[in-house]
C-alpha atoms as a PDB file:
ATOM      1  CA  MET A   1     -20.713  28.346   6.855  1.00  0.00           C
ATOM      2  CA  LYS A   2     -19.344  28.730  10.448  1.00  0.00           C
ATOM      3  CA  GLN A   3     -22.195  26.834  12.093  1.00  0.00           C
ATOM      4  CA  ARG A   4     -21.900  23.816   9.488  1.00  0.00           C
ATOM      5  CA  LEU A   5     -18.023  23.681  10.300  1.00  0.00           C
ATOM      6  CA  ILE A   6     -18.544  23.757  13.930  1.00  0.00           C
ATOM      7  CA  ALA A   7     -21.271  21.036  13.917  1.00  0.00           C
ATOM      8  CA  GLY A   8     -19.156  18.759  11.236  1.00  0.00           C
ATOM      9  CA  ILE A   9     -16.202  19.031  13.660  1.00  0.00           C
ATOM     10  CA  PHE A  10     -18.066  18.059  16.566  1.00  0.00           C
ATOM     11  CA  ALA A  11     -20.081  15.367  14.850  1.00  0.00           C
ATOM     12  CA  ALA A  12     -16.796  13.889  13.493  1.00  0.00           C
ATOM     13  CA  ALA A  13     -15.249  13.908  17.055  1.00  0.00           C
ATOM     14  CA  VAL A  14     -18.103  12.035  18.249  1.00  0.00           C
ATOM     15  CA  LEU A  15     -17.983   9.567  15.555  1.00  0.00           C
ATOM     16  CA  VAL A  16     -14.395   9.037  15.803  1.00  0.00           C
ATOM     17  CA  ALA A  17     -14.406   8.544  19.793  1.00  0.00           C
ATOM     18  CA  GLY A  18     -17.448   6.279  19.625  1.00  0.00           C
ATOM     19  CA  ILE A  19     -15.897   3.675  17.055  1.00  0.00           C
ATOM     20  CA  ILE A  20     -12.413   3.586  18.879  1.00  0.00           C
ATOM     21  CA  TYR A  21     -13.964   3.395  22.390  1.00  0.00           C
ATOM     22  CA  LEU A  22     -17.372   2.103  22.812  1.00  0.00           C
ATOM     23  CA  PRO A  23     -18.039  -1.778  23.070  1.00  0.00           C
ATOM     24  CA  ILE A  24     -19.536  -3.228  19.916  1.00  0.00           C
ATOM     25  CA  VAL A  25     -22.875  -3.904  21.629  1.00  0.00           C
ATOM     26  CA  TRP A  26     -23.218  -0.133  22.272  1.00  0.00           C
ATOM     27  CA  LEU A  27     -22.045   0.718  18.759  1.00  0.00           C
ATOM     28  CA  LEU A  28     -24.845  -1.454  17.663  1.00  0.00           C
ATOM     29  CA  VAL A  29     -27.561   0.380  20.075  1.00  0.00           C
ATOM     30  CA  VAL A  30     -26.331   3.665  18.744  1.00  0.00           C
ATOM     31  CA  VAL A  31     -26.576   2.406  14.923  1.00  0.00           C
ATOM     32  CA  LEU A  32     -30.416   0.655  15.638  1.00  0.00           C
ATOM     33  CA  ALA A  33     -31.026   4.259  16.987  1.00  0.00           C
ATOM     34  CA  LEU A  34     -29.703   6.206  14.156  1.00  0.00           C
ATOM     35  CA  GLY A  35     -31.482   3.845  11.509  1.00  0.00           C
ATOM     36  CA  ILE A  36     -34.767   4.292  13.321  1.00  0.00           C
ATOM     37  CA  LEU A  37     -34.405   8.172  13.485  1.00  0.00           C
ATOM     38  CA  ALA A  38     -33.494   7.922   9.608  1.00  0.00           C
ATOM     39  CA  TYR A  39     -36.470   6.013   9.018  1.00  0.00           C
ATOM     40  CA  MET A  40     -38.742   8.411  10.506  1.00  0.00           C
ATOM     41  CA  GLU A  41     -37.097  11.073   8.294  1.00  0.00           C
ATOM     42  CA  PHE A  42     -37.804   8.951   5.091  1.00  0.00           C
ATOM     43  CA  ASP A  43     -41.599   8.582   6.513  1.00  0.00           C
ATOM     44  CA  ARG A  44     -42.281  12.168   6.944  1.00  0.00           C
ATOM     45  CA  MET A  45     -40.451  13.197   3.671  1.00  0.00           C
ATOM     46  CA  LEU A  46     -42.158  10.581   1.377  1.00  0.00           C
ATOM     47  CA  PHE A  47     -45.388   9.993   2.846  1.00  0.00           C
ATOM     48  CA  CYS A  48     -48.173  12.515   3.039  1.00  0.00           C
ATOM     49  CA  ASP A  49     -50.043  11.238   5.948  1.00  0.00           C
ATOM     50  CA  LYS A  50     -48.637  10.475   9.653  1.00  0.00           C
ATOM     51  CA  ASN A  51     -49.158   7.012  10.388  1.00  0.00           C
ATOM     52  CA  LEU A  52     -48.271   5.682  13.768  1.00  0.00           C
ATOM     53  CA  VAL A  53     -49.036   2.277  12.681  1.00  0.00           C
ATOM     54  CA  ARG A  54     -46.856   2.439   9.486  1.00  0.00           C
ATOM     55  CA  GLN A  55     -44.251   3.891  11.253  1.00  0.00           C
ATOM     56  CA  ILE A  56     -44.049   1.439  14.068  1.00  0.00           C
ATOM     57  CA  ARG A  57     -44.260  -1.379  11.332  1.00  0.00           C
ATOM     58  CA  VAL A  58     -41.644  -0.226   9.102  1.00  0.00           C
ATOM     59  CA  ALA A  59     -39.233   0.840  11.927  1.00  0.00           C
ATOM     60  CA  GLY A  60     -39.530  -2.442  13.834  1.00  0.00           C
ATOM     61  CA  PHE A  61     -38.231  -4.238  10.731  1.00  0.00           C
ATOM     62  CA  VAL A  62     -35.409  -1.800  10.258  1.00  0.00           C
ATOM     63  CA  GLY A  63     -34.458  -2.638  13.985  1.00  0.00           C
ATOM     64  CA  VAL A  64     -34.799  -6.379  13.293  1.00  0.00           C
ATOM     65  CA  SER A  65     -32.808  -6.385   9.872  1.00  0.00           C
ATOM     66  CA  ILE A  66     -30.148  -4.438  11.441  1.00  0.00           C
ATOM     67  CA  THR A  67     -29.688  -6.531  14.325  1.00  0.00           C
ATOM     68  CA  LEU A  68     -29.616  -9.666  12.193  1.00  0.00           C
ATOM     69  CA  MET A  69     -27.173  -8.093   9.932  1.00  0.00           C
ATOM     70  CA  ALA A  70     -24.873  -7.667  12.924  1.00  0.00           C
ATOM     71  CA  MET A  71     -24.955 -11.255  13.788  1.00  0.00           C
ATOM     72  CA  GLU A  72     -24.859 -12.572  10.103  1.00  0.00           C
ATOM     73  CA  VAL A  73     -25.295 -10.402   7.293  1.00  0.00           C
ATOM     74  CA  ARG A  74     -27.192 -13.324   5.396  1.00  0.00           C
ATOM     75  CA  LEU A  75     -29.877 -13.486   7.965  1.00  0.00           C
ATOM     76  CA  ALA A  76     -31.135  -9.922   6.704  1.00  0.00           C
ATOM     77  CA  TRP A  77     -32.457 -11.761   3.686  1.00  0.00           C
ATOM     78  CA  VAL A  78     -34.850 -13.537   6.148  1.00  0.00           C
ATOM     79  CA  CYS A  79     -36.271 -10.252   7.701  1.00  0.00           C
ATOM     80  CA  LEU A  80     -36.436  -8.364   4.220  1.00  0.00           C
ATOM     81  CA  TRP A  81     -38.619 -11.269   2.868  1.00  0.00           C
ATOM     82  CA  MET A  82     -40.718 -11.374   5.944  1.00  0.00           C
ATOM     83  CA  ALA A  83     -41.249  -7.601   5.768  1.00  0.00           C
ATOM     84  CA  PHE A  84     -42.446  -7.744   2.225  1.00  0.00           C
ATOM     85  CA  GLY A  85     -44.759 -10.427   3.055  1.00  0.00           C
ATOM     86  CA  VAL A  86     -46.278  -8.546   6.188  1.00  0.00           C
ATOM     87  CA  PHE A  87     -46.314  -5.201   4.111  1.00  0.00           C
ATOM     88  CA  ALA A  88     -47.974  -7.072   1.151  1.00  0.00           C
ATOM     89  CA  ILE A  89     -50.560  -8.615   3.209  1.00  0.00           C
ATOM     90  CA  THR A  90     -51.386  -5.267   5.058  1.00  0.00           C
ATOM     91  CA  HIS A  91     -51.967  -3.413   1.662  1.00  0.00           C
ATOM     92  CA  PHE A  92     -53.862  -6.165   0.209  1.00  0.00           C
ATOM     93  CA  ILE A  93     -56.413  -5.966   3.397  1.00  0.00           C
ATOM     94  CA  GLN A  94     -56.546  -2.251   3.196  1.00  0.00           C
ATOM     95  CA  ALA A  95     -57.350  -2.426  -0.388  1.00  0.00           C
ATOM     96  CA  ASN A  96     -60.183  -5.301   0.091  1.00  0.00           C
ATOM     97  CA  LYS A  97     -61.675  -2.774   2.927  1.00  0.00           C
ATOM     98  CA  GLY A  98     -61.750   0.091   0.177  1.00  0.00           C
ATOM     99  CA  VAL A  99     -58.593   1.887   0.074  1.00  0.00           C
ATOM    100  CA  ASP A 100     -57.704   2.940  -3.363  1.00  0.00           C
ATOM    101  CA  TYR A 101     -55.638   0.184  -5.370  1.00  0.00           C
ATOM    102  CA  GLY A 102     -53.088   2.586  -6.703  1.00  0.00           C
ATOM    103  CA  GLN A 103     -52.568   4.180  -3.342  1.00  0.00           C
ATOM    104  CA  SER A 104     -52.212   0.789  -1.718  1.00  0.00           C
ATOM    105  CA  VAL A 105     -49.390  -0.538  -4.009  1.00  0.00           C
ATOM    106  CA  SER A 106     -47.934   3.046  -3.937  1.00  0.00           C
ATOM    107  CA  ASN A 107     -47.622   2.719  -0.215  1.00  0.00           C
ATOM    108  CA  LEU A 108     -46.340  -0.783  -0.214  1.00  0.00           C
ATOM    109  CA  ALA A 109     -43.790   0.195  -2.597  1.00  0.00           C
ATOM    110  CA  LEU A 110     -42.688   3.378  -0.440  1.00  0.00           C
ATOM    111  CA  GLU A 111     -42.703   1.194   2.638  1.00  0.00           C
ATOM    112  CA  TRP A 112     -40.056  -1.530   1.127  1.00  0.00           C
ATOM    113  CA  LEU A 113     -38.097   1.498  -0.446  1.00  0.00           C
ATOM    114  CA  GLY A 114     -37.594   3.118   2.958  1.00  0.00           C
ATOM    115  CA  LEU A 115     -36.929  -0.374   4.696  1.00  0.00           C
ATOM    116  CA  SER A 116     -34.253  -1.313   1.955  1.00  0.00           C
ATOM    117  CA  TYR A 117     -32.918   2.096   1.750  1.00  0.00           C
ATOM    118  CA  ILE A 118     -32.481   2.348   5.680  1.00  0.00           C
ATOM    119  CA  VAL A 119     -30.838  -0.990   5.896  1.00  0.00           C
ATOM    120  CA  SER A 120     -28.634  -0.436   3.119  1.00  0.00           C
ATOM    121  CA  LEU A 121     -27.570   2.851   4.960  1.00  0.00           C
ATOM    122  CA  PHE A 122     -26.785   1.359   8.433  1.00  0.00           C
ATOM    123  CA  GLY A 123     -26.813  -2.446   8.154  1.00  0.00           C
ATOM    124  CA  PHE A 124     -23.468  -2.872   6.924  1.00  0.00           C
ATOM    125  CA  LEU A 125     -21.865  -0.933   9.370  1.00  0.00           C
ATOM    126  CA  VAL A 126     -21.528  -3.316  12.258  1.00  0.00           C
ATOM    127  CA  PRO A 127     -20.675  -6.317   9.982  1.00  0.00           C
ATOM    128  CA  ILE A 128     -17.666  -3.887   8.853  1.00  0.00           C
ATOM    129  CA  LEU A 129     -16.863  -3.035  12.133  1.00  0.00           C
ATOM    130  CA  ASN A 130     -16.677  -6.643  13.068  1.00  0.00           C
ATOM    131  CA  LEU A 131     -13.810  -6.812  10.351  1.00  0.00           C
ATOM    132  CA  GLY A 132     -11.941  -4.166  12.202  1.00  0.00           C
ATOM    133  CA  ARG A 133     -12.728  -0.815  13.697  1.00  0.00           C
ATOM    134  CA  ASN A 134     -10.148   0.781  11.159  1.00  0.00           C
ATOM    135  CA  TYR A 135     -12.048  -0.448   8.282  1.00  0.00           C
ATOM    136  CA  LEU A 136     -15.308   1.262   9.540  1.00  0.00           C
ATOM    137  CA  LEU A 137     -13.079   4.634  10.221  1.00  0.00           C
ATOM    138  CA  LEU A 138     -11.619   4.266   7.001  1.00  0.00           C
ATOM    139  CA  LEU A 139     -15.166   4.168   5.267  1.00  0.00           C
ATOM    140  CA  PHE A 140     -16.262   7.082   6.843  1.00  0.00           C
ATOM    141  CA  VAL A 141     -12.935   9.130   6.007  1.00  0.00           C
ATOM    142  CA  ILE A 142     -13.350   8.105   2.307  1.00  0.00           C
ATOM    143  CA  VAL A 143     -17.250   9.029   2.273  1.00  0.00           C
ATOM    144  CA  PHE A 144     -17.182  12.315   4.259  1.00  0.00           C
ATOM    145  CA  VAL A 145     -13.773  13.696   3.298  1.00  0.00           C
ATOM    146  CA  GLY A 146     -14.794  13.341  -0.328  1.00  0.00           C
ATOM    147  CA  ASP A 147     -18.287  14.851   0.535  1.00  0.00           C
ATOM    148  CA  THR A 148     -16.561  17.984   2.074  1.00  0.00           C
ATOM    149  CA  ALA A 149     -14.576  18.295  -0.767  1.00  0.00           C
ATOM    150  CA  ALA A 150     -17.136  18.166  -3.151  1.00  0.00           C
ATOM    151  CA  TYR A 151     -18.995  20.723  -1.182  1.00  0.00           C
ATOM    152  CA  LEU A 152     -16.261  22.906  -0.857  1.00  0.00           C
ATOM    153  CA  VAL A 153     -14.736  23.023  -4.332  1.00  0.00           C
ATOM    154  CA  GLY A 154     -18.325  22.804  -5.792  1.00  0.00           C
ATOM    155  CA  THR A 155     -19.429  26.115  -4.017  1.00  0.00           C
ATOM    156  CA  ARG A 156     -16.259  28.141  -4.897  1.00  0.00           C
ATOM    157  CA  VAL A 157     -15.016  27.158  -8.228  1.00  0.00           C
ATOM    158  CA  GLY A 158     -17.558  24.488  -9.530  1.00  0.00           C
ATOM    159  CA  LYS A 159     -19.220  25.571 -12.695  1.00  0.00           C
ATOM    160  CA  THR A 160     -19.934  22.607 -14.639  1.00  0.00           C
ATOM    161  CA  THR A 161     -23.413  20.803 -13.327  1.00  0.00           C
ATOM    162  CA  LEU A 162     -23.385  17.388 -12.827  1.00  0.00           C
ATOM    163  CA  ALA A 163     -26.912  16.697 -12.481  1.00  0.00           C
ATOM    164  CA  GLN A 164     -28.823  19.936 -13.486  1.00  0.00           C
ATOM    165  CA  ARG A 165     -32.411  18.757 -12.768  1.00  0.00           C
ATOM    166  CA  VAL A 166     -31.823  16.611  -9.631  1.00  0.00           C
ATOM    167  CA  SER A 167     -29.222  18.304  -7.924  1.00  0.00           C
ATOM    168  CA  PRO A 168     -28.299  21.659  -9.504  1.00  0.00           C
ATOM    169  CA  LYS A 169     -25.618  22.760  -6.890  1.00  0.00           C
ATOM    170  CA  LYS A 170     -23.469  19.497  -7.661  1.00  0.00           C
ATOM    171  CA  THR A 171     -20.831  20.138  -9.911  1.00  0.00           C
ATOM    172  CA  VAL A 172     -18.141  17.978 -12.175  1.00  0.00           C
ATOM    173  CA  GLU A 173     -15.488  19.960 -10.398  1.00  0.00           C
ATOM    174  CA  GLY A 174     -16.934  18.989  -6.901  1.00  0.00           C
ATOM    175  CA  PHE A 175     -17.239  15.452  -8.135  1.00  0.00           C
ATOM    176  CA  VAL A 176     -13.593  15.219  -9.483  1.00  0.00           C
ATOM    177  CA  SER A 177     -12.395  16.722  -6.156  1.00  0.00           C
ATOM    178  CA  ALA A 178     -13.970  14.267  -4.090  1.00  0.00           C
ATOM    179  CA  LEU A 179     -12.279  11.499  -5.780  1.00  0.00           C
ATOM    180  CA  LEU A 180      -8.815  12.986  -5.674  1.00  0.00           C
ATOM    181  CA  PHE A 181      -9.363  14.101  -1.728  1.00  0.00           C
ATOM    182  CA  ALA A 182     -10.700  10.423  -0.975  1.00  0.00           C
ATOM    183  CA  GLU A 183      -7.782   8.955  -2.588  1.00  0.00           C
ATOM    184  CA  LEU A 184      -5.420  11.191  -0.912  1.00  0.00           C
ATOM    185  CA  SER A 185      -6.948  10.793   2.593  1.00  0.00           C
ATOM    186  CA  CYS A 186      -6.918   6.911   2.147  1.00  0.00           C
ATOM    187  CA  PHE A 187      -3.379   7.209   1.510  1.00  0.00           C
ATOM    188  CA  LEU A 188      -2.475   9.162   4.341  1.00  0.00           C
ATOM    189  CA  TRP A 189      -4.754   7.036   6.693  1.00  0.00           C
ATOM    190  CA  LEU A 190      -2.846   4.033   5.543  1.00  0.00           C
ATOM    191  CA  TYR A 191       0.702   5.524   5.467  1.00  0.00           C
ATOM    192  CA  PHE A 192       0.374   7.104   9.442  1.00  0.00           C
ATOM    193  CA  PHE A 193      -1.985   4.350  10.907  1.00  0.00           C
ATOM    194  CA  HIS A 194      -1.764   1.359   8.993  1.00  0.00           C
ATOM    195  CA  PRO A 195       1.972   1.323   7.440  1.00  0.00           C
ATOM    196  CA  ASP A 196       1.993  -2.510   7.434  1.00  0.00           C
ATOM    197  CA  SER A 197      -0.850  -2.716   5.210  1.00  0.00           C
ATOM    198  CA  TRP A 198       1.370  -2.202   2.367  1.00  0.00           C
ATOM    199  CA  SER A 199       3.604  -5.265   3.048  1.00  0.00           C
ATOM    200  CA  THR A 200       0.566  -7.460   2.577  1.00  0.00           C
ATOM    201  CA  GLY A 201      -0.831  -5.655  -0.348  1.00  0.00           C
ATOM    202  CA  GLU A 202      -3.888  -4.437   1.477  1.00  0.00           C
ATOM    203  CA  GLY A 203      -2.923  -1.184   1.231  1.00  0.00           C
ATOM    204  CA  MET A 204      -2.947  -1.083  -2.430  1.00  0.00           C
ATOM    205  CA  ARG A 205      -5.920  -2.818  -2.729  1.00  0.00           C
ATOM    206  CA  LEU A 206      -7.802  -0.283  -0.525  1.00  0.00           C
ATOM    207  CA  LEU A 207      -6.399   2.561  -2.510  1.00  0.00           C
ATOM    208  CA  ILE A 208      -7.686   0.851  -5.855  1.00  0.00           C
ATOM    209  CA  TRP A 209     -11.135   0.429  -4.143  1.00  0.00           C
ATOM    210  CA  THR A 210     -11.353   3.981  -2.840  1.00  0.00           C
ATOM    211  CA  PRO A 211     -12.196   5.689  -6.237  1.00  0.00           C
ATOM    212  CA  VAL A 212     -15.004   3.016  -6.545  1.00  0.00           C
ATOM    213  CA  ILE A 213     -16.583   3.853  -2.939  1.00  0.00           C
ATOM    214  CA  SER A 214     -16.221   7.515  -3.433  1.00  0.00           C
ATOM    215  CA  ILE A 215     -18.368   7.550  -6.767  1.00  0.00           C
ATOM    216  CA  LEU A 216     -20.899   5.193  -4.969  1.00  0.00           C
ATOM    217  CA  ALA A 217     -20.969   7.795  -2.187  1.00  0.00           C
ATOM    218  CA  GLN A 218     -21.799  10.471  -4.462  1.00  0.00           C
ATOM    219  CA  VAL A 219     -24.209   8.342  -6.225  1.00  0.00           C
ATOM    220  CA  GLY A 220     -25.941   7.847  -3.000  1.00  0.00           C
ATOM    221  CA  ASP A 221     -25.966  11.670  -2.436  1.00  0.00           C
ATOM    222  CA  LEU A 222     -27.541  12.129  -5.741  1.00  0.00           C
ATOM    223  CA  PHE A 223     -30.342   9.833  -5.118  1.00  0.00           C
ATOM    224  CA  GLU A 224     -31.256  11.292  -1.686  1.00  0.00           C
ATOM    225  CA  SER A 225     -31.413  14.477  -3.588  1.00  0.00           C
ATOM    226  CA  LEU A 226     -33.908  12.439  -6.117  1.00  0.00           C
ATOM    227  CA  LEU A 227     -36.089  11.780  -3.204  1.00  0.00           C
ATOM    228  CA  LYS A 228     -36.061  15.098  -1.675  1.00  0.00           C
ATOM    229  CA  ARG A 229     -36.502  16.982  -5.255  1.00  0.00           C
ATOM    230  CA  SER A 230     -39.731  14.512  -5.637  1.00  0.00           C
ATOM    231  CA  GLN A 231     -41.243  16.084  -2.490  1.00  0.00           C
ATOM    232  CA  ALA A 232     -39.915  19.674  -3.327  1.00  0.00           C
ATOM    233  CA  MET A 233     -37.709  19.545  -0.019  1.00  0.00           C
ATOM    234  CA  LYS A 234     -34.438  21.388   0.515  1.00  0.00           C
ATOM    235  CA  ASP A 235     -33.383  19.041   3.428  1.00  0.00           C
ATOM    236  CA  SER A 236     -34.707  15.818   4.956  1.00  0.00           C
ATOM    237  CA  GLY A 237     -34.736  17.300   8.465  1.00  0.00           C
ATOM    238  CA  ALA A 238     -32.962  19.301  10.839  1.00  0.00           C
ATOM    239  CA  PHE A 239     -30.705  16.461  12.705  1.00  0.00           C
ATOM    240  CA  LEU A 240     -27.431  18.555  12.478  1.00  0.00           C
ATOM    241  CA  PRO A 241     -27.193  22.305  12.566  1.00  0.00           C
ATOM    242  CA  GLY A 242     -26.037  23.802   9.126  1.00  0.00           C
ATOM    243  CA  HIS A 243     -26.253  20.067   7.446  1.00  0.00           C
ATOM    244  CA  GLY A 244     -29.807  19.354   7.319  1.00  0.00           C
ATOM    245  CA  GLY A 245     -31.256  15.981   8.366  1.00  0.00           C
ATOM    246  CA  LEU A 246     -29.379  12.723   9.263  1.00  0.00           C
ATOM    247  CA  LEU A 247     -30.095  11.245   5.894  1.00  0.00           C
ATOM    248  CA  ASP A 248     -28.584  14.408   4.389  1.00  0.00           C
ATOM    249  CA  ARG A 249     -25.418  13.760   6.302  1.00  0.00           C
ATOM    250  CA  ILE A 250     -25.096  10.030   5.706  1.00  0.00           C
ATOM    251  CA  ASP A 251     -26.665   9.477   2.272  1.00  0.00           C
ATOM    252  CA  GLY A 252     -23.382   8.495   0.906  1.00  0.00           C
ATOM    253  CA  LEU A 253     -23.242   5.529   2.641  1.00  0.00           C
ATOM    254  CA  VAL A 254     -26.411   3.878   1.173  1.00  0.00           C
ATOM    255  CA  PHE A 255     -24.329   2.171  -1.843  1.00  0.00           C
ATOM    256  CA  ALA A 256     -20.939   2.801  -0.577  1.00  0.00           C
ATOM    257  CA  ALA A 257     -21.179   0.697   2.608  1.00  0.00           C
ATOM    258  CA  PRO A 258     -22.581  -2.600   1.251  1.00  0.00           C
ATOM    259  CA  VAL A 259     -19.863  -2.327  -1.677  1.00  0.00           C
ATOM    260  CA  PHE A 260     -17.329  -1.493   0.819  1.00  0.00           C
ATOM    261  CA  TYR A 261     -18.163  -4.628   2.894  1.00  0.00           C
ATOM    262  CA  ILE A 262     -18.191  -6.723  -0.361  1.00  0.00           C
ATOM    263  CA  LEU A 263     -14.794  -5.670  -1.335  1.00  0.00           C
ATOM    264  CA  LEU A 264     -13.387  -6.358   2.238  1.00  0.00           C
ATOM    265  CA  THR A 265     -14.799  -9.712   2.403  1.00  0.00           C
ATOM    266  CA  LEU A 266     -13.715 -10.768  -1.147  1.00  0.00           C
ATOM    267  CA  GLY A 267     -10.228  -9.312  -0.452  1.00  0.00           C
ATOM    268  CA  ALA A 268     -10.022 -11.151   2.825  1.00  0.00           C
ATOM    269  CA  GLY A 269     -11.357 -14.250   1.216  1.00  0.00           C
ATOM    270  CA  ARG A 270     -14.000 -14.568   3.952  1.00  0.00           C
END
């Protein structure tokens, strides 16, 4: 627990400092690096074999997709479509050369899942940052405060399991506490750092959206648990001491970040 706490505080301090002080171009570099590292975790977790060509192929599309999304979110569809075409043609050729048909289709599906998953986790971070650094900080506050609350409450007083087969340690009590603490943290964040948001109505909109983002963050956590459960793994890696892999730490963003971006753009009429 002590190691987990120290590592968590250190990671949070680095994260906040980076978002506040780093130029956007350097933040994009950091996001790209983390996205590629996260895909490598996914690849090691879901694929039975180590294939450098496959890893370079998918990681390359991860990098291009995130970069395009930083420029214009809609451009990512072009890259995702191109990636699907490359993956499909690659596995068609491999199947025609003698690779098992079922294995070819399975590998194609996993590559596409890996690309979509990692881009969903990281691709919306820079677009949110472009709308305002405070929005990205608020997203992390909602997701990570809720995650911490769910863990602490769930491990201490949680009795009712939330998803027994997929994630037996997740509890209803932890789920509810995540919602409550995410809402409280959002309110405090707005009250102390953006008091002017109440007069424009944005503060109230963000408070209304917070439970939605918190629920989606917990769904993202459960989805990653499903991926690990399918491979009988406890952690996706060992990126952060006491926290497991990189995917274990940021899995809540996979559904929360895209929806948060959509809500921001709709709310601002962009």
